[in-house]
N, C-alpha and C. Protein backbone atom coordinates (compact mmCIF):
# COMPACT_ATOMS: atom_id res chain seq x y z
N MET A 1 -20.71 10.51 8.77
CA MET A 1 -20.95 11.13 9.99
C MET A 1 -21.01 12.94 9.34
N ASN A 2 -21.79 13.95 9.87
CA ASN A 2 -22.14 14.98 8.94
C ASN A 2 -21.21 15.96 9.62
N LYS A 3 -21.13 17.01 9.13
CA LYS A 3 -20.09 18.21 9.62
C LYS A 3 -19.52 18.75 11.61
N ASP A 4 -20.98 18.70 11.55
CA ASP A 4 -21.26 18.84 12.97
C ASP A 4 -20.82 17.80 13.94
N GLU A 5 -21.17 16.60 13.68
CA GLU A 5 -20.52 15.42 14.39
C GLU A 5 -19.11 15.12 14.27
N TYR A 6 -18.85 15.94 13.04
CA TYR A 6 -17.66 14.93 13.27
C TYR A 6 -16.91 16.64 13.87
N LYS A 7 -16.64 17.14 13.87
CA LYS A 7 -16.70 19.04 14.96
C LYS A 7 -16.85 19.12 16.34
N ASN A 8 -17.81 18.22 16.83
CA ASN A 8 -18.53 17.73 18.16
C ASN A 8 -17.34 16.35 18.72
N LYS A 9 -16.84 15.49 18.32
CA LYS A 9 -16.19 14.49 17.86
C LYS A 9 -14.67 14.42 18.10
N PHE A 10 -14.12 15.64 17.00
CA PHE A 10 -12.40 15.68 16.89
C PHE A 10 -12.17 16.83 17.48
N LYS A 11 -10.82 17.17 17.04
CA LYS A 11 -10.67 18.51 17.69
C LYS A 11 -9.31 18.80 16.32
N GLU A 12 -9.03 19.53 16.31
CA GLU A 12 -8.53 20.31 14.59
C GLU A 12 -6.84 19.88 14.14
N ASP A 13 -6.66 19.41 15.61
CA ASP A 13 -5.64 18.95 15.79
C ASP A 13 -4.81 16.75 16.12
N ASP A 14 -6.60 16.56 15.79
CA ASP A 14 -6.19 15.43 15.96
C ASP A 14 -5.69 14.00 14.56
N ALA A 15 -4.95 13.52 14.07
CA ALA A 15 -4.80 12.82 12.70
C ALA A 15 -5.94 12.11 12.73
N VAL A 16 -6.87 11.60 12.25
CA VAL A 16 -8.10 11.56 12.51
C VAL A 16 -8.08 9.81 11.64
N GLY A 17 -7.42 9.79 10.79
CA GLY A 17 -7.60 9.06 9.61
C GLY A 17 -6.24 7.93 10.05
N TRP A 18 -5.55 9.24 10.46
CA TRP A 18 -4.26 7.95 10.99
C TRP A 18 -4.08 6.87 11.73
N LEU A 19 -4.96 7.49 12.85
CA LEU A 19 -5.26 5.78 13.73
C LEU A 19 -6.63 4.78 13.55
N SER A 20 -7.31 5.86 12.71
CA SER A 20 -8.02 4.67 11.91
C SER A 20 -7.07 3.22 11.20
N ILE A 21 -5.65 4.29 11.05
CA ILE A 21 -5.79 2.68 10.33
C ILE A 21 -4.22 2.23 11.83
N ASP A 22 -4.06 2.76 12.46
CA ASP A 22 -3.16 2.22 13.67
C ASP A 22 -4.08 1.04 14.00
N LYS A 23 -5.72 2.16 14.52
CA LYS A 23 -5.99 1.02 14.94
C LYS A 23 -6.19 -0.86 14.44
N LEU A 24 -6.15 -0.91 12.64
CA LEU A 24 -6.39 -2.29 12.40
C LEU A 24 -5.00 -2.39 12.53
N THR A 25 -3.74 -1.89 12.22
CA THR A 25 -2.74 -2.28 12.38
C THR A 25 -2.57 -2.76 14.26
N GLU A 26 -2.86 -2.42 15.38
CA GLU A 26 -2.84 -2.73 16.03
C GLU A 26 -3.87 -4.34 16.48
N LYS A 27 -4.93 -4.16 16.22
CA LYS A 27 -6.06 -5.59 16.41
C LYS A 27 -4.84 -6.66 15.14
N LEU A 28 -3.56 -6.59 13.76
CA LEU A 28 -3.07 -7.74 13.51
C LEU A 28 -2.06 -7.65 13.84
N TYR A 29 -0.68 -6.47 14.81
CA TYR A 29 0.07 -6.70 15.55
C TYR A 29 -0.35 -6.50 16.51
N PRO A 30 -0.50 -7.11 18.05
CA PRO A 30 -1.07 -6.73 18.66
C PRO A 30 0.83 -7.01 19.81
N ASN A 31 0.92 -5.76 20.10
CA ASN A 31 1.99 -5.57 20.88
C ASN A 31 3.63 -5.63 20.55
N GLN A 32 2.83 -5.31 18.56
CA GLN A 32 4.41 -4.71 18.65
C GLN A 32 4.42 -3.15 17.20
N GLU A 33 5.78 -3.40 17.91
CA GLU A 33 6.02 -1.56 17.50
C GLU A 33 6.68 -2.08 15.91
N PRO A 34 6.27 -1.11 14.74
CA PRO A 34 6.70 -1.29 13.68
C PRO A 34 7.62 -0.41 13.44
N LYS A 35 8.75 -0.45 12.78
CA LYS A 35 9.85 0.21 12.35
C LYS A 35 8.75 1.42 11.59
N HIS A 36 9.03 2.54 11.55
CA HIS A 36 8.22 3.79 10.89
C HIS A 36 9.48 4.89 10.00
N TYR A 37 8.60 4.84 8.66
CA TYR A 37 9.85 5.81 7.94
C TYR A 37 8.86 7.20 8.30
N GLY A 38 8.90 8.33 8.63
CA GLY A 38 8.33 9.07 8.02
C GLY A 38 8.87 10.02 6.66
N THR A 39 8.63 11.24 6.38
CA THR A 39 9.00 11.83 5.91
C THR A 39 9.38 13.55 6.76
N ILE A 40 10.23 13.63 6.11
CA ILE A 40 10.32 15.66 6.80
C ILE A 40 10.29 16.35 6.88
N ILE A 41 9.88 16.61 5.74
CA ILE A 41 8.51 17.70 5.39
C ILE A 41 7.63 16.66 4.53
N LYS A 42 6.52 16.88 5.56
CA LYS A 42 4.99 16.89 5.24
C LYS A 42 4.48 17.66 3.62
N TYR A 43 4.76 16.96 2.54
CA TYR A 43 3.94 16.63 1.41
C TYR A 43 2.53 18.12 1.20
N LEU A 44 1.84 18.01 2.54
CA LEU A 44 0.88 19.98 2.52
C LEU A 44 1.64 20.97 3.44
N LEU A 45 3.18 20.12 3.71
CA LEU A 45 3.69 21.17 3.99
C LEU A 45 4.66 21.22 2.78
N GLY A 46 5.41 22.03 1.38
CA GLY A 46 5.69 21.27 0.32
C GLY A 46 6.95 20.38 0.30
N GLY A 47 6.55 19.50 0.79
CA GLY A 47 7.36 18.21 0.45
C GLY A 47 7.40 17.60 -0.57
N GLU A 48 8.13 16.52 -1.44
CA GLU A 48 7.99 16.15 -2.25
C GLU A 48 8.13 14.60 -2.42
N ASP A 49 7.36 14.34 -1.06
CA ASP A 49 7.21 12.41 -1.11
C ASP A 49 5.80 12.58 -0.57
N PRO A 50 4.17 12.00 -1.04
CA PRO A 50 3.35 12.35 -1.07
C PRO A 50 3.29 11.78 0.26
N LEU A 51 3.75 10.58 0.81
CA LEU A 51 3.35 9.32 1.47
C LEU A 51 4.03 10.45 2.78
N ASP A 52 3.59 10.24 3.75
CA ASP A 52 3.93 11.45 5.61
C ASP A 52 4.73 9.97 5.71
N GLY A 53 4.24 8.83 5.42
CA GLY A 53 5.51 7.64 6.29
C GLY A 53 4.75 6.37 6.14
N VAL A 54 5.08 5.61 6.09
CA VAL A 54 5.88 3.65 5.83
C VAL A 54 5.64 3.49 7.02
N SER A 55 4.81 2.60 7.29
CA SER A 55 5.46 1.32 9.34
C SER A 55 5.51 -0.13 8.29
N ILE A 56 6.83 -0.47 9.00
CA ILE A 56 6.92 -1.75 8.49
C ILE A 56 6.75 -3.31 9.88
N TYR A 57 5.84 -4.32 9.82
CA TYR A 57 5.68 -5.36 10.18
C TYR A 57 6.01 -6.14 9.74
N GLU A 58 6.71 -7.40 11.37
CA GLU A 58 7.33 -8.26 11.11
C GLU A 58 5.87 -9.54 10.83
N SER A 59 5.83 -9.82 9.92
CA SER A 59 4.44 -11.96 9.92
C SER A 59 5.00 -12.84 10.40
N LYS A 60 4.31 -13.62 10.62
CA LYS A 60 4.96 -15.27 10.25
C LYS A 60 4.00 -15.61 10.65
N ASN A 61 2.23 -14.72 9.85
CA ASN A 61 1.92 -15.61 8.85
C ASN A 61 1.91 -16.12 7.29
N GLN A 62 1.71 -17.54 7.30
CA GLN A 62 1.69 -18.38 5.91
C GLN A 62 3.27 -18.56 6.26
N LYS A 63 4.32 -17.18 6.13
CA LYS A 63 5.44 -17.96 6.37
C LYS A 63 6.65 -16.26 6.38
N ASP A 64 7.78 -16.18 7.54
CA ASP A 64 8.32 -14.96 8.26
C ASP A 64 8.41 -14.26 6.29
N HIS A 65 7.86 -12.54 6.94
CA HIS A 65 7.65 -11.81 5.95
C HIS A 65 7.34 -10.49 6.64
N TYR A 66 8.20 -9.40 6.09
CA TYR A 66 8.05 -7.85 6.15
C TYR A 66 6.79 -7.59 5.64
N HIS A 67 5.47 -6.91 6.13
CA HIS A 67 4.29 -5.58 5.93
C HIS A 67 4.38 -4.71 5.53
N PHE A 68 4.38 -4.07 4.56
CA PHE A 68 4.38 -2.87 5.03
C PHE A 68 3.57 -1.74 4.51
N VAL A 69 2.50 -1.08 5.28
CA VAL A 69 1.87 -0.54 5.49
C VAL A 69 1.85 1.06 4.77
N SER A 70 1.64 2.15 4.32
CA SER A 70 1.48 3.33 3.65
C SER A 70 0.42 4.30 4.76
N TYR A 71 1.65 5.51 4.94
CA TYR A 71 0.65 6.34 5.46
C TYR A 71 0.36 7.76 4.33
N GLY A 72 -1.03 7.97 3.51
CA GLY A 72 -0.58 8.80 2.46
C GLY A 72 -1.75 9.14 1.43
N MET A 73 -1.84 7.90 1.27
CA MET A 73 -2.62 8.23 0.12
C MET A 73 -4.37 8.50 0.29
N SER A 74 -4.26 8.01 1.76
CA SER A 74 -5.51 8.38 2.12
C SER A 74 -6.06 9.53 3.02
N SER A 75 -6.92 10.37 3.38
CA SER A 75 -6.41 11.69 4.58
C SER A 75 -6.45 11.46 6.08
N LEU A 76 -5.37 11.81 6.52
CA LEU A 76 -5.43 11.62 7.49
C LEU A 76 -4.94 12.13 8.79
N TYR A 77 -5.52 13.08 8.16
CA TYR A 77 -5.99 14.03 9.40
C TYR A 77 -7.30 14.99 9.36
N TYR A 78 -7.52 15.76 10.16
CA TYR A 78 -8.40 16.32 10.99
C TYR A 78 -9.24 16.84 9.16
N ASP A 79 -10.18 16.57 8.62
CA ASP A 79 -10.78 16.70 7.24
C ASP A 79 -12.26 17.08 6.99
N LEU A 80 -12.54 17.75 8.48
CA LEU A 80 -14.00 19.10 7.49
C LEU A 80 -14.23 19.06 6.85
N GLU A 81 -13.71 19.50 5.64
CA GLU A 81 -14.38 19.94 4.88
C GLU A 81 -14.77 19.31 4.09
N ASN A 82 -13.92 17.44 4.13
CA ASN A 82 -14.62 16.05 3.39
C ASN A 82 -15.05 15.17 4.14
N CYS A 83 -15.30 15.42 5.24
CA CYS A 83 -15.83 14.04 5.74
C CYS A 83 -16.86 13.06 5.26
N GLU A 84 -18.07 14.39 4.96
CA GLU A 84 -19.19 13.49 4.62
C GLU A 84 -18.76 12.73 2.71
N GLU A 85 -17.40 13.02 3.14
CA GLU A 85 -17.69 12.50 1.10
C GLU A 85 -16.98 10.52 1.64
N GLU A 86 -17.63 10.06 0.45
CA GLU A 86 -17.43 8.59 0.36
C GLU A 86 -16.35 7.95 0.65
N PHE A 87 -15.20 7.72 -0.14
CA PHE A 87 -13.82 7.93 0.12
C PHE A 87 -13.03 8.88 0.67
N SER A 88 -11.99 8.34 2.02
CA SER A 88 -11.40 9.46 2.49
C SER A 88 -9.68 9.08 1.57
N GLY A 89 -9.69 10.58 0.62
CA GLY A 89 -7.98 10.66 0.16
C GLY A 89 -8.98 10.32 -0.77
N TRP A 90 -7.47 9.85 -1.74
CA TRP A 90 -8.15 8.67 -3.50
C TRP A 90 -8.43 7.86 -2.60
N GLY A 91 -8.91 6.94 -1.83
CA GLY A 91 -9.83 5.85 -1.04
C GLY A 91 -8.76 4.70 -1.03
N PHE A 92 -7.37 5.22 -1.28
CA PHE A 92 -6.96 3.56 -0.78
C PHE A 92 -5.55 3.59 0.26
N GLU A 93 -4.85 2.71 0.50
CA GLU A 93 -3.44 3.56 1.26
C GLU A 93 -2.77 1.77 0.61
N PHE A 94 -1.61 2.20 0.35
CA PHE A 94 -0.98 0.39 -0.41
C PHE A 94 0.21 -0.22 0.87
N THR A 95 -0.23 -1.09 -0.07
CA THR A 95 0.53 -2.09 1.35
C THR A 95 1.66 -3.74 0.24
N PHE A 96 2.28 -3.90 0.96
CA PHE A 96 3.56 -4.72 0.20
C PHE A 96 3.80 -6.26 1.23
N ARG A 97 4.31 -6.90 0.83
CA ARG A 97 5.01 -8.07 1.57
C ARG A 97 5.98 -8.84 1.24
N LEU A 98 6.97 -9.56 1.81
CA LEU A 98 8.21 -9.08 0.86
C LEU A 98 8.68 -10.57 2.02
N ILE A 99 8.98 -11.04 1.14
CA ILE A 99 10.10 -12.55 2.41
C ILE A 99 11.08 -11.77 2.16
N PRO A 100 12.44 -11.88 3.50
CA PRO A 100 13.77 -11.35 3.60
C PRO A 100 14.46 -11.18 2.19
N PHE A 101 14.99 -9.95 1.98
CA PHE A 101 16.36 -10.62 1.05
C PHE A 101 17.40 -9.94 1.34
N GLU A 102 18.18 -10.95 1.22
CA GLU A 102 19.41 -10.81 2.46
C GLU A 102 20.29 -10.30 1.61
N GLU A 103 20.43 -8.72 0.61
CA GLU A 103 20.96 -7.75 0.51
C GLU A 103 20.35 -6.85 1.00
N ASP A 104 19.53 -6.90 1.44
CA ASP A 104 18.52 -5.56 1.51
C ASP A 104 19.39 -5.76 3.60
N ASN A 105 19.62 -6.75 3.92
CA ASN A 105 20.21 -6.07 5.88
C ASN A 105 19.37 -5.71 6.87
N GLU A 106 18.21 -7.03 6.05
CA GLU A 106 17.18 -6.35 7.23
C GLU A 106 16.65 -5.06 7.12
N ASP A 107 17.08 -4.00 5.97
CA ASP A 107 15.71 -2.66 6.05
C ASP A 107 16.14 -2.78 4.56
N PRO A 108 14.69 -3.03 4.48
CA PRO A 108 14.59 -3.01 3.04
C PRO A 108 13.73 -1.65 2.68
N LYS A 109 14.48 -0.09 2.41
CA LYS A 109 14.09 0.41 2.33
C LYS A 109 13.99 1.04 1.19
N TRP A 110 14.41 -0.09 0.14
CA TRP A 110 13.66 0.22 -1.10
C TRP A 110 12.98 0.69 -1.29
N VAL A 111 11.14 -0.23 -0.40
CA VAL A 111 10.34 -0.79 -0.87
C VAL A 111 9.55 0.69 -0.40
N ILE A 112 9.76 1.45 -0.21
CA ILE A 112 9.18 2.74 1.27
C ILE A 112 9.54 3.52 -0.34
N SER A 113 10.74 4.29 -1.24
CA SER A 113 10.63 4.62 -2.67
C SER A 113 10.12 4.06 -3.13
N LEU A 114 9.74 2.42 -3.32
CA LEU A 114 9.44 2.44 -4.81
C LEU A 114 7.26 2.98 -4.48
N MET A 115 6.85 2.77 -3.00
CA MET A 115 5.78 2.91 -2.68
C MET A 115 5.09 4.88 -2.62
N GLN A 116 6.75 5.13 -2.31
CA GLN A 116 6.64 6.91 -2.83
C GLN A 116 6.27 8.00 -4.17
N ASN A 117 7.40 6.75 -5.06
CA ASN A 117 7.15 6.77 -6.42
C ASN A 117 5.79 6.79 -7.00
N LEU A 118 5.21 5.88 -6.69
CA LEU A 118 3.96 5.22 -7.12
C LEU A 118 2.71 6.38 -6.76
N ALA A 119 3.43 6.91 -5.42
CA ALA A 119 2.18 7.84 -5.03
C ALA A 119 2.21 9.10 -5.96
N LYS A 120 3.40 8.97 -6.10
CA LYS A 120 3.45 10.48 -6.97
C LYS A 120 3.30 10.64 -8.71
N TYR A 121 3.42 9.47 -9.09
CA TYR A 121 2.28 9.03 -9.76
C TYR A 121 0.62 9.49 -10.10
N VAL A 122 0.49 8.65 -8.94
CA VAL A 122 -1.05 9.40 -8.76
C VAL A 122 -1.67 10.76 -8.09
N PHE A 123 -0.05 11.68 -7.85
CA PHE A 123 -0.88 12.44 -7.33
C PHE A 123 -0.90 13.58 -8.82
N ASN A 124 0.56 13.06 -9.24
CA ASN A 124 0.66 13.64 -10.51
C ASN A 124 -0.20 13.95 -11.89
N SER A 125 -0.19 12.13 -12.12
CA SER A 125 -1.63 12.15 -13.28
C SER A 125 -2.36 12.61 -12.96
N LYS A 126 -2.85 12.93 -11.86
CA LYS A 126 -4.40 12.27 -11.36
C LYS A 126 -5.60 11.59 -11.14
N LYS A 127 -4.61 10.14 -11.96
CA LYS A 127 -4.58 8.36 -12.00
C LYS A 127 -4.87 7.61 -10.79
N TRP A 128 -5.85 7.33 -10.84
CA TRP A 128 -5.81 6.15 -9.09
C TRP A 128 -5.08 3.86 -9.87
N PHE A 129 -4.89 3.67 -8.24
CA PHE A 129 -5.08 2.64 -8.83
C PHE A 129 -6.23 1.65 -8.18
N GLU A 130 -6.70 0.82 -9.05
CA GLU A 130 -7.20 -0.03 -8.42
C GLU A 130 -7.02 -1.42 -8.26
N GLU A 131 -8.53 -2.60 -7.41
CA GLU A 131 -7.70 -3.71 -7.78
C GLU A 131 -7.60 -4.25 -9.04
N TYR A 132 -6.62 -4.87 -9.20
CA TYR A 132 -6.62 -5.82 -10.54
C TYR A 132 -5.62 -4.93 -11.80
N HIS A 133 -5.65 -2.82 -11.44
CA HIS A 133 -4.73 -2.56 -11.60
C HIS A 133 -3.40 -3.71 -12.31
N PHE A 134 -2.49 -2.71 -12.77
CA PHE A 134 -0.93 -3.39 -13.14
C PHE A 134 -0.02 -2.24 -14.13
N ILE A 135 1.23 -2.21 -13.01
CA ILE A 135 2.10 -1.42 -13.87
C ILE A 135 3.45 -0.89 -14.44
N PRO A 136 3.97 -1.74 -14.88
CA PRO A 136 5.02 -1.85 -15.19
C PRO A 136 6.41 -1.39 -13.68
N ALA A 137 7.73 -1.73 -13.59
CA ALA A 137 8.07 -1.32 -13.30
C ALA A 137 9.59 -0.31 -13.88
N ASN A 138 9.58 -0.67 -15.34
CA ASN A 138 10.95 -0.21 -15.87
C ASN A 138 11.55 -0.90 -15.62
N GLY A 139 11.79 -2.49 -14.69
CA GLY A 139 13.11 -2.64 -14.50
C GLY A 139 13.15 -3.46 -13.79
N PRO A 140 14.07 -3.68 -12.11
CA PRO A 140 13.46 -4.88 -11.37
C PRO A 140 13.58 -3.51 -10.74
N ILE A 141 11.94 -4.63 -10.05
CA ILE A 141 11.22 -3.32 -9.05
C ILE A 141 12.40 -2.75 -7.56
N ARG A 142 12.99 -3.89 -7.42
CA ARG A 142 14.03 -3.63 -7.02
C ARG A 142 15.82 -3.01 -7.56
N LEU A 143 15.91 -2.09 -7.56
CA LEU A 143 17.00 -2.02 -8.60
C LEU A 143 18.60 -2.49 -8.49
N ASN A 144 18.76 -2.62 -9.59
CA ASN A 144 20.28 -2.49 -9.41
C ASN A 144 20.51 -4.08 -8.49
N THR A 145 19.31 -5.10 -9.34
CA THR A 145 19.04 -6.80 -8.44
C THR A 145 18.32 -7.81 -9.84
N GLU A 146 19.83 -8.80 -9.79
CA GLU A 146 18.87 -9.78 -10.87
C GLU A 146 16.96 -10.56 -9.72
N THR A 147 16.76 -10.29 -10.50
CA THR A 147 15.70 -10.27 -10.82
C THR A 147 14.27 -10.90 -11.54
N ASP A 148 13.76 -11.40 -11.71
CA ASP A 148 12.37 -11.80 -12.71
C ASP A 148 11.63 -11.23 -12.44
N ILE A 149 11.21 -9.86 -11.29
CA ILE A 149 9.61 -9.10 -10.29
C ILE A 149 10.20 -8.18 -11.81
N THR A 150 9.78 -7.65 -12.48
CA THR A 150 9.97 -6.70 -12.83
C THR A 150 8.70 -5.63 -12.70
N ALA A 151 7.42 -6.00 -12.68
CA ALA A 151 5.93 -5.19 -12.28
C ALA A 151 5.29 -5.46 -11.31
N ILE A 152 4.38 -4.85 -11.53
CA ILE A 152 3.10 -4.80 -9.88
C ILE A 152 1.87 -4.62 -10.26
N ALA A 153 1.06 -5.64 -9.63
CA ALA A 153 -0.40 -6.05 -9.79
C ALA A 153 -1.06 -5.31 -8.29
N PHE A 154 -2.10 -5.05 -8.50
CA PHE A 154 -3.22 -4.39 -7.14
C PHE A 154 -3.80 -6.10 -7.16
N ILE A 155 -4.17 -5.76 -5.31
CA ILE A 155 -5.35 -6.62 -4.54
C ILE A 155 -5.41 -6.30 -3.96
N GLU A 156 -6.51 -6.02 -3.18
CA GLU A 156 -6.90 -5.74 -1.70
C GLU A 156 -6.36 -6.12 -0.91
N ASP A 157 -5.46 -6.15 0.01
CA ASP A 157 -4.62 -7.15 0.72
C ASP A 157 -5.86 -7.93 1.79
N PRO A 158 -5.11 -9.20 1.72
CA PRO A 158 -6.36 -10.57 2.35
C PRO A 158 -6.03 -10.16 3.61
N GLU A 159 -5.69 -9.23 4.51
CA GLU A 159 -5.90 -9.49 5.75
C GLU A 159 -6.64 -7.89 6.18
N MET A 160 -5.83 -6.71 5.38
CA MET A 160 -6.14 -5.60 5.71
C MET A 160 -7.55 -4.88 4.81
N GLY A 161 -8.43 -5.95 3.78
CA GLY A 161 -9.20 -5.19 3.50
C GLY A 161 -9.84 -3.36 3.05
N LYS A 162 -10.44 -3.06 3.85
CA LYS A 162 -11.36 -2.32 3.69
C LYS A 162 -11.75 -2.08 5.23
N ILE A 163 -11.54 0.33 5.33
CA ILE A 163 -12.15 -0.33 6.46
C ILE A 163 -12.45 1.80 6.54
N ASN A 164 -13.63 1.51 6.70
CA ASN A 164 -14.77 2.91 6.99
C ASN A 164 -13.61 3.66 8.19
N THR A 165 -13.89 5.67 7.90
CA THR A 165 -12.81 5.98 8.86
C THR A 165 -13.89 7.44 9.18
N PRO A 166 -13.80 8.16 9.97
CA PRO A 166 -14.21 9.28 9.95
C PRO A 166 -14.42 10.13 8.76
N ASN A 167 -13.26 10.11 8.08
CA ASN A 167 -12.90 10.50 6.77
C ASN A 167 -13.07 9.91 5.87
N GLY A 168 -13.35 8.20 5.73
CA GLY A 168 -14.38 8.03 4.83
C GLY A 168 -13.82 6.69 3.79
N GLU A 169 -14.28 5.65 3.18
CA GLU A 169 -14.16 4.86 2.97
C GLU A 169 -12.15 4.69 2.25
N ILE A 170 -11.41 3.51 2.83
CA ILE A 170 -9.75 3.38 2.79
C ILE A 170 -9.75 1.69 2.08
N GLN A 171 -9.48 1.59 1.08
CA GLN A 171 -9.19 0.26 0.61
C GLN A 171 -7.40 -0.13 0.67
N PHE A 172 -7.62 -1.29 1.71
CA PHE A 172 -6.15 -1.41 1.42
C PHE A 172 -5.21 -2.47 -0.12
N LEU A 173 -4.80 -2.01 -0.44
CA LEU A 173 -4.08 -2.52 -1.84
C LEU A 173 -2.75 -2.76 -1.89
N GLN A 174 -3.09 -3.89 -2.20
CA GLN A 174 -1.94 -4.52 -2.08
C GLN A 174 -1.37 -5.03 -3.51
N MET A 175 0.10 -4.66 -3.42
CA MET A 175 1.30 -4.40 -4.58
C MET A 175 1.74 -5.97 -3.76
N VAL A 176 1.70 -6.80 -5.31
CA VAL A 176 1.74 -8.04 -5.45
C VAL A 176 3.58 -7.67 -6.65
N GLY A 177 4.71 -8.03 -6.43
CA GLY A 177 5.36 -8.65 -7.51
C GLY A 177 5.57 -9.28 -8.30
N ILE A 178 5.12 -8.89 -9.89
CA ILE A 178 4.61 -10.12 -10.64
C ILE A 178 6.12 -10.01 -11.82
N THR A 179 6.15 -11.44 -12.55
CA THR A 179 8.05 -11.85 -13.21
C THR A 179 6.99 -10.82 -14.33
N SER A 180 8.72 -11.10 -15.09
CA SER A 180 8.77 -10.35 -16.67
C SER A 180 6.94 -11.03 -18.33
N SER A 181 7.42 -12.43 -17.41
CA SER A 181 6.47 -13.32 -18.61
C SER A 181 5.32 -13.18 -17.88
N GLU A 182 4.65 -13.21 -16.71
CA GLU A 182 3.47 -12.96 -16.39
C GLU A 182 3.38 -11.08 -16.88
N TYR A 183 3.95 -10.23 -16.68
CA TYR A 183 3.52 -8.44 -17.50
C TYR A 183 3.47 -8.93 -18.50
N ALA A 184 3.83 -9.87 -19.18
CA ALA A 184 4.13 -9.71 -21.21
C ALA A 184 2.47 -10.94 -21.30
N GLN A 185 2.18 -11.13 -20.41
CA GLN A 185 0.38 -12.12 -20.02
C GLN A 185 -0.77 -10.75 -20.53
N LEU A 186 -0.41 -10.08 -19.21
CA LEU A 186 -1.75 -8.53 -19.32
C LEU A 186 -1.18 -7.63 -20.13
N LYS A 187 -0.57 -7.69 -20.87
CA LYS A 187 0.89 -6.46 -22.04
C LYS A 187 -0.82 -7.43 -22.49
N GLN A 188 -0.97 -7.84 -23.16
CA GLN A 188 -1.81 -8.29 -24.03
C GLN A 188 -2.45 -8.79 -23.84
N ASN A 189 -2.87 -9.71 -22.65
CA ASN A 189 -4.53 -9.02 -22.73
C ASN A 189 -4.97 -8.07 -21.01
N PRO A 190 -4.77 -7.08 -21.80
CA PRO A 190 -5.46 -6.08 -19.68
C PRO A 190 -7.00 -6.01 -19.70
N LYS A 191 -6.84 -7.63 -19.47
CA LYS A 191 -7.98 -7.06 -18.59
C LYS A 191 -8.00 -7.26 -17.19
N THR A 192 -9.36 -7.04 -16.55
CA THR A 192 -9.26 -7.71 -15.20
C THR A 192 -9.80 -8.25 -14.72
N THR A 193 -10.24 -9.63 -15.73
CA THR A 193 -10.28 -11.32 -15.71
C THR A 193 -8.85 -11.60 -16.10
N GLU A 194 -8.11 -11.36 -16.69
CA GLU A 194 -6.50 -11.89 -16.52
C GLU A 194 -5.71 -11.89 -15.51
N THR A 195 -5.72 -10.27 -15.35
CA THR A 195 -5.41 -9.77 -14.38
C THR A 195 -5.19 -11.41 -12.90
N LYS A 196 -6.64 -11.22 -12.80
CA LYS A 196 -7.60 -11.74 -11.76
C LYS A 196 -7.01 -13.14 -11.96
N ARG A 197 -6.99 -13.83 -12.76
CA ARG A 197 -6.56 -15.61 -13.22
C ARG A 197 -5.24 -15.54 -12.68
N ILE A 198 -3.54 -14.58 -12.98
CA ILE A 198 -2.82 -14.67 -12.85
C ILE A 198 -2.61 -14.71 -11.40
N LEU A 199 -3.66 -13.60 -11.19
CA LEU A 199 -3.09 -13.65 -9.13
C LEU A 199 -3.50 -14.47 -8.18
N ASP A 200 -5.15 -15.39 -9.33
CA ASP A 200 -5.52 -16.42 -8.25
C ASP A 200 -4.36 -17.77 -8.22
N ARG A 201 -3.91 -18.12 -9.72
CA ARG A 201 -2.80 -18.68 -9.76
C ARG A 201 -2.17 -18.73 -8.77
N LEU A 202 -1.38 -17.86 -8.86
CA LEU A 202 -0.59 -17.58 -7.74
C LEU A 202 -1.08 -17.72 -6.20
N LYS A 203 -2.19 -17.28 -5.94
CA LYS A 203 -2.35 -17.49 -4.39
C LYS A 203 -3.06 -19.20 -3.48
N LYS A 204 -3.09 -20.20 -4.77
CA LYS A 204 -3.54 -21.20 -4.61
C LYS A 204 -1.71 -21.71 -3.86
N GLU A 205 -0.76 -21.27 -3.99
CA GLU A 205 0.46 -21.73 -2.73
C GLU A 205 1.22 -20.12 -2.19
N ASN A 206 0.46 -19.57 -2.00
CA ASN A 206 0.86 -18.35 -2.24
C ASN A 206 0.15 -17.36 -1.30
N PRO A 207 -1.32 -17.98 -0.61
CA PRO A 207 -2.13 -16.59 -0.32
C PRO A 207 -2.52 -15.21 -0.31
N LEU A 208 -0.64 -15.05 0.89
CA LEU A 208 -0.68 -14.06 0.68
C LEU A 208 -0.41 -13.42 -0.33
N LEU A 209 0.16 -13.54 -1.24
CA LEU A 209 1.07 -13.21 -2.10
C LEU A 209 1.74 -12.40 -1.44
N ILE A 210 2.57 -12.99 -1.05
CA ILE A 210 3.93 -12.15 -0.70
C ILE A 210 5.01 -12.10 -1.75
N THR A 211 5.50 -11.41 -1.78
CA THR A 211 6.67 -11.12 -3.62
C THR A 211 8.07 -11.95 -2.61
N ASP A 212 7.78 -12.69 -3.73
CA ASP A 212 9.48 -12.93 -4.15
C ASP A 212 10.58 -12.24 -4.95
N LEU A 213 11.76 -11.84 -4.08
CA LEU A 213 12.74 -11.26 -5.38
C LEU A 213 13.55 -12.58 -6.25
N LYS A 214 13.39 -13.83 -5.82
CA LYS A 214 14.68 -15.08 -6.12
C LYS A 214 12.47 -15.67 -7.53
N ARG A 215 11.16 -14.80 -7.18
CA ARG A 215 10.43 -15.99 -7.90
C ARG A 215 10.90 -16.07 -9.42
N LYS A 216 10.64 -16.93 -9.83
CA LYS A 216 11.27 -16.93 -11.89
C LYS A 216 9.35 -17.05 -11.83
């Protein structure tokens, strides 16, 4: 879409990218109103958190779990200057799938903090994540928790994949919690093929790669 077409189709107060994401989530979760946690002051207006929000859906696919979707790594709003670019913003949004954890009391806000911290890393370092990248959490991914899940690997979300929006392409990068031993293997052999091998192995019993804090 060129700039003239973009100007003719959208208004300056249209949330062009945000609505493109919503169109996909509404298809996955028809008639479900997600829990949405938005930032008070948007990053563009001087706020500290790069993500403008995170939505949490309740999925019953494979097994009951929470499905988190971020808003803010891609270009969410009217963006005439960049509408002809291949990728929207950083080109991706975070997702995460979590088996309900009793200590969360059905309110796993720690995942939102984790997503915001990863977003800050990208915005500050200018280094983005891609499929099969991995990163340590420098401890349990849920703070002050006895869990062996201490790192994250990334893979394209098996249900959300990629979408083309008027602001460019967005890939939904799913964060997958991995154990200390799995991270040690990746650190020793930090190749895409090794990350893929570990995630493919996990997929055999867990096709959606849902993170379970109790996994050993």
